[in-house]
Amino acid sequence: MSLQLETENQPTSSVALRKVCPVHKGMAIACCCAAIASLTPVALVQLKIVRDLPDPPGRIFNSKRIVTSKGAYRFGIPDGVLGVASYGVTLALLMAAKPSRPVVRKVLRAKLALDATMALRSVRRQISQHGRICSWCVGAAAATAGVVYFARKAREVERPHLA
């Protein structure tokens, strides 16, 4: 207990920073990997490598209908492939972002805002156009929320506090 009190009372550039920051950053990276893993089967169906996407039971889910619809091919490219590539960029930015690289951190913040916006728009479009949702896409949207949350927490811990 005394060790815990000592690290809590020290400035953020101390041992406490080194212990807390990697956890949040690691969770953000894990959530980004989960988003990529969730969108990979979608991309495989859209590229006609895999035939079907399993869904949880319930009438609200119809992943195959949504991911093979005409709206899922932006610019003639399957949106699952675009999503995997986009989250790959996010993953690279997460791994490169450090307090000593303010430009990378600003680009990461903008990219996370874009990712969150696109995830919300995707779920909203599924409901409004199809009346159903793609469970795999919702999984990626939930993982995006995790990326944004943990990246923000990591940034708050890394930010130097004024004493």
N, C-alpha and C. Protein backbone atom coordinates (compact mmCIF):
# COMPACT_ATOMS: atom_id res chain seq x y z
N MET A 1 0.82 -1.19 0.00
CA MET A 1 0.00 0.00 0.00
C MET A 1 0.86 1.25 0.00
N SER A 2 1.97 1.24 0.70
CA SER A 2 2.81 2.43 0.72
C SER A 2 3.42 2.70 -0.65
N LEU A 3 3.74 1.64 -1.38
CA LEU A 3 4.26 1.81 -2.73
C LEU A 3 3.22 2.46 -3.63
N GLN A 4 1.97 2.06 -3.48
CA GLN A 4 0.91 2.63 -4.29
C GLN A 4 0.74 4.11 -3.98
N LEU A 5 0.78 4.48 -2.71
CA LEU A 5 0.64 5.89 -2.34
C LEU A 5 1.80 6.71 -2.86
N GLU A 6 2.99 6.14 -2.81
CA GLU A 6 4.15 6.87 -3.31
C GLU A 6 4.00 7.15 -4.81
N THR A 7 3.59 6.18 -5.60
CA THR A 7 3.49 6.41 -7.04
C THR A 7 2.32 7.32 -7.39
N GLU A 8 1.26 7.31 -6.59
CA GLU A 8 0.13 8.19 -6.87
C GLU A 8 0.47 9.65 -6.62
N ASN A 9 1.35 9.93 -5.67
CA ASN A 9 1.67 11.31 -5.32
C ASN A 9 2.80 11.89 -6.16
N GLN A 10 3.43 11.09 -6.98
CA GLN A 10 4.54 11.58 -7.78
C GLN A 10 4.01 12.25 -9.05
N PRO A 11 4.81 13.14 -9.64
CA PRO A 11 4.39 13.77 -10.90
C PRO A 11 4.20 12.73 -12.00
N THR A 12 3.50 13.12 -13.06
CA THR A 12 3.14 12.16 -14.11
C THR A 12 4.34 11.67 -14.91
N SER A 13 5.48 12.30 -14.83
CA SER A 13 6.64 11.84 -15.58
C SER A 13 7.39 10.74 -14.82
N SER A 14 6.81 10.24 -13.75
CA SER A 14 7.48 9.26 -12.90
C SER A 14 7.07 7.84 -13.24
N VAL A 15 7.25 6.97 -12.27
CA VAL A 15 6.93 5.56 -12.42
C VAL A 15 5.45 5.36 -12.71
N ALA A 16 4.58 6.17 -12.10
CA ALA A 16 3.14 6.02 -12.31
C ALA A 16 2.79 6.18 -13.78
N LEU A 17 3.41 7.12 -14.45
CA LEU A 17 3.14 7.33 -15.87
C LEU A 17 3.53 6.10 -16.67
N ARG A 18 4.70 5.55 -16.38
CA ARG A 18 5.17 4.40 -17.13
C ARG A 18 4.30 3.17 -16.90
N LYS A 19 3.65 3.09 -15.75
CA LYS A 19 2.80 1.94 -15.47
C LYS A 19 1.42 2.07 -16.10
N VAL A 20 0.85 3.26 -16.07
CA VAL A 20 -0.53 3.44 -16.52
C VAL A 20 -0.61 3.62 -18.03
N CYS A 21 0.25 4.41 -18.60
CA CYS A 21 0.18 4.76 -20.02
C CYS A 21 0.22 3.54 -20.95
N PRO A 22 1.15 2.60 -20.79
CA PRO A 22 1.18 1.47 -21.70
C PRO A 22 -0.09 0.63 -21.66
N VAL A 23 -0.76 0.61 -20.51
CA VAL A 23 -1.99 -0.17 -20.42
C VAL A 23 -3.07 0.43 -21.32
N HIS A 24 -3.26 1.74 -21.23
CA HIS A 24 -4.28 2.40 -22.06
C HIS A 24 -3.92 2.31 -23.54
N LYS A 25 -2.67 2.56 -23.85
CA LYS A 25 -2.25 2.49 -25.24
C LYS A 25 -2.38 1.06 -25.76
N GLY A 26 -2.02 0.09 -24.94
CA GLY A 26 -2.16 -1.32 -25.33
C GLY A 26 -3.61 -1.71 -25.56
N MET A 27 -4.50 -1.20 -24.72
CA MET A 27 -5.94 -1.48 -24.91
C MET A 27 -6.45 -0.84 -26.19
N ALA A 28 -5.98 0.37 -26.50
CA ALA A 28 -6.38 1.02 -27.75
C ALA A 28 -5.91 0.20 -28.95
N ILE A 29 -4.68 -0.30 -28.87
CA ILE A 29 -4.14 -1.13 -29.95
C ILE A 29 -4.93 -2.43 -30.06
N ALA A 30 -5.28 -3.04 -28.93
CA ALA A 30 -6.07 -4.27 -28.94
C ALA A 30 -7.45 -4.04 -29.55
N CYS A 31 -8.08 -2.92 -29.22
CA CYS A 31 -9.40 -2.60 -29.80
C CYS A 31 -9.29 -2.37 -31.30
N CYS A 32 -8.21 -1.74 -31.74
CA CYS A 32 -8.01 -1.51 -33.17
C CYS A 32 -7.83 -2.86 -33.89
N CYS A 33 -7.09 -3.77 -33.27
CA CYS A 33 -6.94 -5.11 -33.84
C CYS A 33 -8.27 -5.85 -33.88
N ALA A 34 -9.10 -5.63 -32.87
CA ALA A 34 -10.44 -6.25 -32.85
C ALA A 34 -11.29 -5.71 -34.00
N ALA A 35 -11.18 -4.42 -34.28
CA ALA A 35 -11.93 -3.84 -35.41
C ALA A 35 -11.46 -4.45 -36.72
N ILE A 36 -10.16 -4.61 -36.88
CA ILE A 36 -9.63 -5.24 -38.09
C ILE A 36 -10.11 -6.68 -38.20
N ALA A 37 -10.06 -7.39 -37.08
CA ALA A 37 -10.52 -8.79 -37.08
C ALA A 37 -12.00 -8.91 -37.37
N SER A 38 -12.78 -7.94 -36.95
CA SER A 38 -14.22 -7.95 -37.20
C SER A 38 -14.55 -7.64 -38.66
N LEU A 39 -13.76 -6.80 -39.28
CA LEU A 39 -14.03 -6.42 -40.67
C LEU A 39 -13.39 -7.37 -41.70
N THR A 40 -12.45 -8.19 -41.27
CA THR A 40 -11.81 -9.10 -42.22
C THR A 40 -12.80 -10.10 -42.83
N PRO A 41 -13.68 -10.75 -42.06
CA PRO A 41 -14.66 -11.64 -42.70
C PRO A 41 -15.60 -10.89 -43.65
N VAL A 42 -15.93 -9.65 -43.32
CA VAL A 42 -16.77 -8.84 -44.21
C VAL A 42 -16.06 -8.64 -45.54
N ALA A 43 -14.78 -8.29 -45.48
CA ALA A 43 -14.01 -8.09 -46.70
C ALA A 43 -13.90 -9.39 -47.50
N LEU A 44 -13.74 -10.51 -46.81
CA LEU A 44 -13.64 -11.80 -47.51
C LEU A 44 -14.93 -12.16 -48.23
N VAL A 45 -16.07 -11.85 -47.64
CA VAL A 45 -17.35 -12.09 -48.32
C VAL A 45 -17.49 -11.15 -49.51
N GLN A 46 -17.12 -9.88 -49.32
CA GLN A 46 -17.25 -8.92 -50.41
C GLN A 46 -16.31 -9.24 -51.57
N LEU A 47 -15.19 -9.86 -51.29
CA LEU A 47 -14.26 -10.27 -52.34
C LEU A 47 -14.59 -11.65 -52.91
N LYS A 48 -15.69 -12.22 -52.42
CA LYS A 48 -16.18 -13.54 -52.84
C LYS A 48 -15.19 -14.67 -52.57
N ILE A 49 -14.42 -14.52 -51.49
CA ILE A 49 -13.52 -15.58 -51.05
C ILE A 49 -14.26 -16.52 -50.11
N VAL A 50 -15.16 -15.94 -49.32
CA VAL A 50 -16.00 -16.70 -48.40
C VAL A 50 -17.45 -16.45 -48.81
N ARG A 51 -18.31 -17.46 -48.67
CA ARG A 51 -19.69 -17.33 -49.14
C ARG A 51 -20.66 -16.70 -48.14
N ASP A 52 -20.48 -16.99 -46.86
CA ASP A 52 -21.50 -16.57 -45.90
C ASP A 52 -20.88 -16.00 -44.64
N LEU A 53 -21.64 -15.16 -43.97
CA LEU A 53 -21.27 -14.61 -42.67
C LEU A 53 -22.26 -15.11 -41.63
N PRO A 54 -21.79 -15.80 -40.62
CA PRO A 54 -22.73 -16.23 -39.58
C PRO A 54 -23.18 -15.03 -38.75
N ASP A 55 -24.42 -15.05 -38.34
CA ASP A 55 -25.01 -13.99 -37.52
C ASP A 55 -25.54 -14.57 -36.23
N PRO A 56 -25.61 -13.76 -35.19
CA PRO A 56 -26.29 -14.23 -33.97
C PRO A 56 -27.78 -14.41 -34.26
N PRO A 57 -28.47 -15.18 -33.43
CA PRO A 57 -29.90 -15.35 -33.67
C PRO A 57 -30.64 -14.03 -33.46
N GLY A 58 -31.64 -13.82 -34.25
CA GLY A 58 -32.44 -12.61 -34.13
C GLY A 58 -32.78 -12.06 -35.51
N ARG A 59 -33.93 -11.44 -35.59
CA ARG A 59 -34.40 -10.92 -36.88
C ARG A 59 -33.69 -9.63 -37.27
N ILE A 60 -33.03 -8.99 -36.33
CA ILE A 60 -32.40 -7.70 -36.63
C ILE A 60 -31.10 -7.86 -37.41
N PHE A 61 -30.52 -9.05 -37.41
CA PHE A 61 -29.24 -9.27 -38.08
C PHE A 61 -29.42 -9.85 -39.47
N ASN A 62 -28.69 -9.27 -40.42
CA ASN A 62 -28.62 -9.82 -41.78
C ASN A 62 -27.33 -9.30 -42.41
N SER A 63 -26.24 -9.82 -41.95
CA SER A 63 -24.92 -9.32 -42.37
C SER A 63 -24.68 -9.49 -43.86
N LYS A 64 -25.00 -10.66 -44.39
CA LYS A 64 -24.69 -10.91 -45.81
C LYS A 64 -25.45 -9.95 -46.72
N ARG A 65 -26.71 -9.72 -46.42
CA ARG A 65 -27.50 -8.80 -47.26
C ARG A 65 -26.90 -7.40 -47.24
N ILE A 66 -26.44 -6.97 -46.09
CA ILE A 66 -25.90 -5.61 -45.97
C ILE A 66 -24.54 -5.49 -46.65
N VAL A 67 -23.65 -6.45 -46.41
CA VAL A 67 -22.29 -6.32 -46.95
C VAL A 67 -22.21 -6.62 -48.45
N THR A 68 -23.26 -7.23 -49.01
CA THR A 68 -23.25 -7.47 -50.45
C THR A 68 -24.18 -6.50 -51.20
N SER A 69 -24.74 -5.53 -50.47
CA SER A 69 -25.62 -4.55 -51.12
C SER A 69 -24.79 -3.59 -51.98
N LYS A 70 -25.48 -2.91 -52.85
CA LYS A 70 -24.80 -1.98 -53.76
C LYS A 70 -24.10 -0.85 -53.01
N GLY A 71 -24.67 -0.42 -51.89
CA GLY A 71 -24.08 0.66 -51.11
C GLY A 71 -22.80 0.28 -50.38
N ALA A 72 -22.49 -1.01 -50.33
CA ALA A 72 -21.29 -1.46 -49.64
C ALA A 72 -20.04 -1.41 -50.52
N TYR A 73 -20.18 -0.93 -51.73
CA TYR A 73 -19.05 -0.86 -52.66
C TYR A 73 -18.81 0.59 -53.06
N ARG A 74 -18.15 1.33 -52.17
CA ARG A 74 -17.85 2.74 -52.44
C ARG A 74 -16.70 2.83 -53.42
N PHE A 75 -16.87 3.67 -54.41
CA PHE A 75 -15.86 3.89 -55.44
C PHE A 75 -15.49 2.57 -56.14
N GLY A 76 -16.41 1.61 -56.13
CA GLY A 76 -16.15 0.31 -56.75
C GLY A 76 -15.29 -0.61 -55.89
N ILE A 77 -14.98 -0.18 -54.67
CA ILE A 77 -14.15 -0.97 -53.76
C ILE A 77 -15.02 -1.41 -52.59
N PRO A 78 -14.95 -2.66 -52.18
CA PRO A 78 -15.75 -3.10 -51.03
C PRO A 78 -15.40 -2.31 -49.77
N ASP A 79 -16.42 -1.88 -49.04
CA ASP A 79 -16.14 -1.07 -47.86
C ASP A 79 -15.44 -1.85 -46.75
N GLY A 80 -15.56 -3.17 -46.75
CA GLY A 80 -14.81 -3.98 -45.79
C GLY A 80 -13.32 -3.88 -46.01
N VAL A 81 -12.91 -3.87 -47.27
CA VAL A 81 -11.49 -3.73 -47.61
C VAL A 81 -11.01 -2.33 -47.22
N LEU A 82 -11.82 -1.32 -47.52
CA LEU A 82 -11.47 0.05 -47.12
C LEU A 82 -11.37 0.17 -45.60
N GLY A 83 -12.28 -0.50 -44.89
CA GLY A 83 -12.25 -0.46 -43.43
C GLY A 83 -11.01 -1.12 -42.86
N VAL A 84 -10.63 -2.27 -43.38
CA VAL A 84 -9.42 -2.94 -42.91
C VAL A 84 -8.19 -2.07 -43.16
N ALA A 85 -8.12 -1.47 -44.34
CA ALA A 85 -7.00 -0.58 -44.65
C ALA A 85 -6.99 0.65 -43.73
N SER A 86 -8.17 1.21 -43.50
CA SER A 86 -8.28 2.38 -42.64
C SER A 86 -7.84 2.08 -41.21
N TYR A 87 -8.29 0.96 -40.67
CA TYR A 87 -7.89 0.59 -39.31
C TYR A 87 -6.41 0.20 -39.26
N GLY A 88 -5.86 -0.26 -40.37
CA GLY A 88 -4.41 -0.50 -40.43
C GLY A 88 -3.63 0.79 -40.27
N VAL A 89 -4.11 1.86 -40.89
CA VAL A 89 -3.49 3.18 -40.73
C VAL A 89 -3.63 3.65 -39.29
N THR A 90 -4.82 3.46 -38.72
CA THR A 90 -5.04 3.85 -37.32
C THR A 90 -4.10 3.09 -36.40
N LEU A 91 -3.93 1.81 -36.65
CA LEU A 91 -3.03 0.99 -35.84
C LEU A 91 -1.59 1.51 -35.93
N ALA A 92 -1.15 1.84 -37.13
CA ALA A 92 0.21 2.38 -37.30
C ALA A 92 0.36 3.71 -36.55
N LEU A 93 -0.66 4.56 -36.62
CA LEU A 93 -0.59 5.84 -35.90
C LEU A 93 -0.59 5.63 -34.39
N LEU A 94 -1.39 4.69 -33.91
CA LEU A 94 -1.40 4.39 -32.47
C LEU A 94 -0.03 3.94 -31.99
N MET A 95 0.61 3.11 -32.77
CA MET A 95 1.92 2.60 -32.38
C MET A 95 3.00 3.67 -32.48
N ALA A 96 2.83 4.61 -33.39
CA ALA A 96 3.85 5.66 -33.57
C ALA A 96 3.64 6.86 -32.66
N ALA A 97 2.47 7.03 -32.11
CA ALA A 97 2.16 8.21 -31.30
C ALA A 97 2.89 8.15 -29.96
N LYS A 98 3.64 9.21 -29.71
CA LYS A 98 4.37 9.36 -28.45
C LYS A 98 4.33 10.84 -28.08
N PRO A 99 4.50 11.14 -26.81
CA PRO A 99 4.51 12.56 -26.42
C PRO A 99 5.57 13.37 -27.16
N SER A 100 6.64 12.73 -27.57
CA SER A 100 7.70 13.44 -28.29
C SER A 100 7.37 13.67 -29.76
N ARG A 101 6.22 13.19 -30.22
CA ARG A 101 5.81 13.35 -31.62
C ARG A 101 4.44 14.03 -31.68
N PRO A 102 4.40 15.34 -31.47
CA PRO A 102 3.10 16.03 -31.43
C PRO A 102 2.33 16.00 -32.76
N VAL A 103 3.03 15.98 -33.87
CA VAL A 103 2.35 15.97 -35.17
C VAL A 103 1.63 14.63 -35.37
N VAL A 104 2.29 13.53 -35.02
CA VAL A 104 1.67 12.21 -35.14
C VAL A 104 0.44 12.13 -34.23
N ARG A 105 0.55 12.71 -33.04
CA ARG A 105 -0.58 12.69 -32.11
C ARG A 105 -1.76 13.49 -32.65
N LYS A 106 -1.49 14.60 -33.31
CA LYS A 106 -2.59 15.39 -33.91
C LYS A 106 -3.23 14.63 -35.06
N VAL A 107 -2.43 14.00 -35.88
CA VAL A 107 -2.96 13.21 -36.99
C VAL A 107 -3.79 12.04 -36.43
N LEU A 108 -3.31 11.42 -35.37
CA LEU A 108 -4.05 10.32 -34.74
C LEU A 108 -5.39 10.81 -34.22
N ARG A 109 -5.42 11.97 -33.57
CA ARG A 109 -6.69 12.50 -33.07
C ARG A 109 -7.68 12.71 -34.20
N ALA A 110 -7.22 13.27 -35.30
CA ALA A 110 -8.10 13.50 -36.46
C ALA A 110 -8.56 12.17 -37.04
N LYS A 111 -7.67 11.20 -37.12
CA LYS A 111 -8.01 9.89 -37.67
C LYS A 111 -9.03 9.17 -36.78
N LEU A 112 -8.88 9.29 -35.46
CA LEU A 112 -9.84 8.68 -34.56
C LEU A 112 -11.22 9.33 -34.69
N ALA A 113 -11.24 10.64 -34.88
CA ALA A 113 -12.52 11.32 -35.09
C ALA A 113 -13.17 10.83 -36.39
N LEU A 114 -12.37 10.66 -37.42
CA LEU A 114 -12.88 10.15 -38.70
C LEU A 114 -13.39 8.72 -38.54
N ASP A 115 -12.63 7.87 -37.86
CA ASP A 115 -13.05 6.48 -37.64
C ASP A 115 -14.37 6.41 -36.89
N ALA A 116 -14.49 7.20 -35.82
CA ALA A 116 -15.73 7.20 -35.03
C ALA A 116 -16.91 7.68 -35.86
N THR A 117 -16.70 8.71 -36.64
CA THR A 117 -17.77 9.24 -37.49
C THR A 117 -18.21 8.21 -38.52
N MET A 118 -17.27 7.56 -39.16
CA MET A 118 -17.59 6.57 -40.18
C MET A 118 -18.29 5.35 -39.57
N ALA A 119 -17.88 4.93 -38.38
CA ALA A 119 -18.52 3.79 -37.72
C ALA A 119 -19.98 4.11 -37.38
N LEU A 120 -20.21 5.30 -36.85
CA LEU A 120 -21.59 5.70 -36.53
C LEU A 120 -22.45 5.82 -37.78
N ARG A 121 -21.87 6.42 -38.83
CA ARG A 121 -22.62 6.56 -40.08
C ARG A 121 -22.96 5.20 -40.68
N SER A 122 -22.04 4.27 -40.56
CA SER A 122 -22.28 2.93 -41.12
C SER A 122 -23.45 2.25 -40.42
N VAL A 123 -23.46 2.28 -39.10
CA VAL A 123 -24.55 1.64 -38.36
C VAL A 123 -25.88 2.36 -38.64
N ARG A 124 -25.84 3.68 -38.67
CA ARG A 124 -27.07 4.45 -38.95
C ARG A 124 -27.59 4.13 -40.35
N ARG A 125 -26.70 4.03 -41.32
CA ARG A 125 -27.09 3.71 -42.71
C ARG A 125 -27.69 2.32 -42.80
N GLN A 126 -27.12 1.37 -42.08
CA GLN A 126 -27.66 0.00 -42.09
C GLN A 126 -29.09 -0.02 -41.59
N ILE A 127 -29.32 0.67 -40.50
CA ILE A 127 -30.67 0.68 -39.92
C ILE A 127 -31.65 1.42 -40.82
N SER A 128 -31.25 2.56 -41.35
CA SER A 128 -32.18 3.37 -42.15
C SER A 128 -32.44 2.75 -43.53
N GLN A 129 -31.43 2.18 -44.17
CA GLN A 129 -31.61 1.65 -45.52
C GLN A 129 -32.08 0.21 -45.56
N HIS A 130 -31.64 -0.59 -44.61
CA HIS A 130 -31.93 -2.02 -44.66
C HIS A 130 -32.88 -2.49 -43.56
N GLY A 131 -33.03 -1.70 -42.52
CA GLY A 131 -33.85 -2.11 -41.39
C GLY A 131 -33.24 -3.27 -40.62
N ARG A 132 -32.00 -3.56 -40.87
CA ARG A 132 -31.25 -4.64 -40.22
C ARG A 132 -29.85 -4.12 -39.92
N ILE A 133 -29.07 -4.93 -39.17
CA ILE A 133 -27.68 -4.54 -38.94
C ILE A 133 -26.76 -5.71 -39.22
N CYS A 134 -25.54 -5.37 -39.55
CA CYS A 134 -24.48 -6.35 -39.76
C CYS A 134 -23.76 -6.51 -38.42
N SER A 135 -23.83 -7.70 -37.85
CA SER A 135 -23.23 -7.91 -36.53
C SER A 135 -21.72 -7.69 -36.56
N TRP A 136 -21.10 -8.01 -37.67
CA TRP A 136 -19.66 -7.84 -37.80
C TRP A 136 -19.30 -6.35 -37.85
N CYS A 137 -20.11 -5.57 -38.52
CA CYS A 137 -19.88 -4.12 -38.63
C CYS A 137 -20.13 -3.44 -37.29
N VAL A 138 -21.14 -3.90 -36.57
CA VAL A 138 -21.42 -3.35 -35.24
C VAL A 138 -20.27 -3.69 -34.29
N GLY A 139 -19.70 -4.88 -34.46
CA GLY A 139 -18.52 -5.24 -33.67
C GLY A 139 -17.37 -4.31 -33.92
N ALA A 140 -17.17 -3.95 -35.19
CA ALA A 140 -16.11 -3.00 -35.53
C ALA A 140 -16.42 -1.62 -34.96
N ALA A 141 -17.68 -1.21 -34.98
CA ALA A 141 -18.07 0.08 -34.41
C ALA A 141 -17.83 0.10 -32.90
N ALA A 142 -18.16 -0.99 -32.22
CA ALA A 142 -17.91 -1.07 -30.78
C ALA A 142 -16.41 -1.04 -30.48
N ALA A 143 -15.64 -1.72 -31.29
CA ALA A 143 -14.19 -1.69 -31.12
C ALA A 143 -13.64 -0.29 -31.37
N THR A 144 -14.24 0.43 -32.30
CA THR A 144 -13.83 1.81 -32.57
C THR A 144 -14.08 2.68 -31.34
N ALA A 145 -15.21 2.47 -30.70
CA ALA A 145 -15.48 3.22 -29.47
C ALA A 145 -14.41 2.93 -28.43
N GLY A 146 -13.99 1.68 -28.34
CA GLY A 146 -12.91 1.32 -27.42
C GLY A 146 -11.60 1.98 -27.78
N VAL A 147 -11.27 2.02 -29.06
CA VAL A 147 -10.03 2.67 -29.50
C VAL A 147 -10.05 4.14 -29.09
N VAL A 148 -11.15 4.82 -29.37
CA VAL A 148 -11.25 6.24 -29.05
C VAL A 148 -11.13 6.45 -27.54
N TYR A 149 -11.84 5.65 -26.76
CA TYR A 149 -11.81 5.80 -25.30
C TYR A 149 -10.41 5.60 -24.74
N PHE A 150 -9.77 4.48 -25.10
CA PHE A 150 -8.46 4.18 -24.52
C PHE A 150 -7.37 5.10 -25.06
N ALA A 151 -7.46 5.52 -26.31
CA ALA A 151 -6.48 6.46 -26.84
C ALA A 151 -6.59 7.80 -26.12
N ARG A 152 -7.80 8.20 -25.82
CA ARG A 152 -8.00 9.44 -25.07
C ARG A 152 -7.45 9.33 -23.66
N LYS A 153 -7.70 8.19 -23.00
CA LYS A 153 -7.15 7.96 -21.67
C LYS A 153 -5.62 7.98 -21.69
N ALA A 154 -5.03 7.36 -22.69
CA ALA A 154 -3.57 7.34 -22.80
C ALA A 154 -3.04 8.76 -22.99
N ARG A 155 -3.73 9.55 -23.78
CA ARG A 155 -3.30 10.93 -24.01
C ARG A 155 -3.40 11.76 -22.73
N GLU A 156 -4.47 11.54 -21.96
CA GLU A 156 -4.62 12.27 -20.70
C GLU A 156 -3.49 11.94 -19.73
N VAL A 157 -3.09 10.68 -19.68
CA VAL A 157 -2.01 10.27 -18.77
C VAL A 157 -0.67 10.82 -19.24
N GLU A 158 -0.45 10.83 -20.55
CA GLU A 158 0.82 11.30 -21.10
C GLU A 158 0.97 12.81 -21.01
N ARG A 159 -0.14 13.51 -20.98
CA ARG A 159 -0.12 14.97 -20.97
C ARG A 159 0.55 15.45 -19.68
N PRO A 160 1.55 16.32 -19.80
CA PRO A 160 2.19 16.82 -18.58
C PRO A 160 1.23 17.71 -17.79
N HIS A 161 1.18 17.47 -16.49
CA HIS A 161 0.33 18.27 -15.62
C HIS A 161 1.10 19.47 -15.08
N LEU A 162 0.42 20.58 -15.01
CA LEU A 162 1.06 21.77 -14.45
C LEU A 162 0.95 21.71 -12.94
N ALA A 163 2.04 21.89 -12.26
CA ALA A 163 2.02 21.81 -10.80
C ALA A 163 1.91 23.18 -10.18
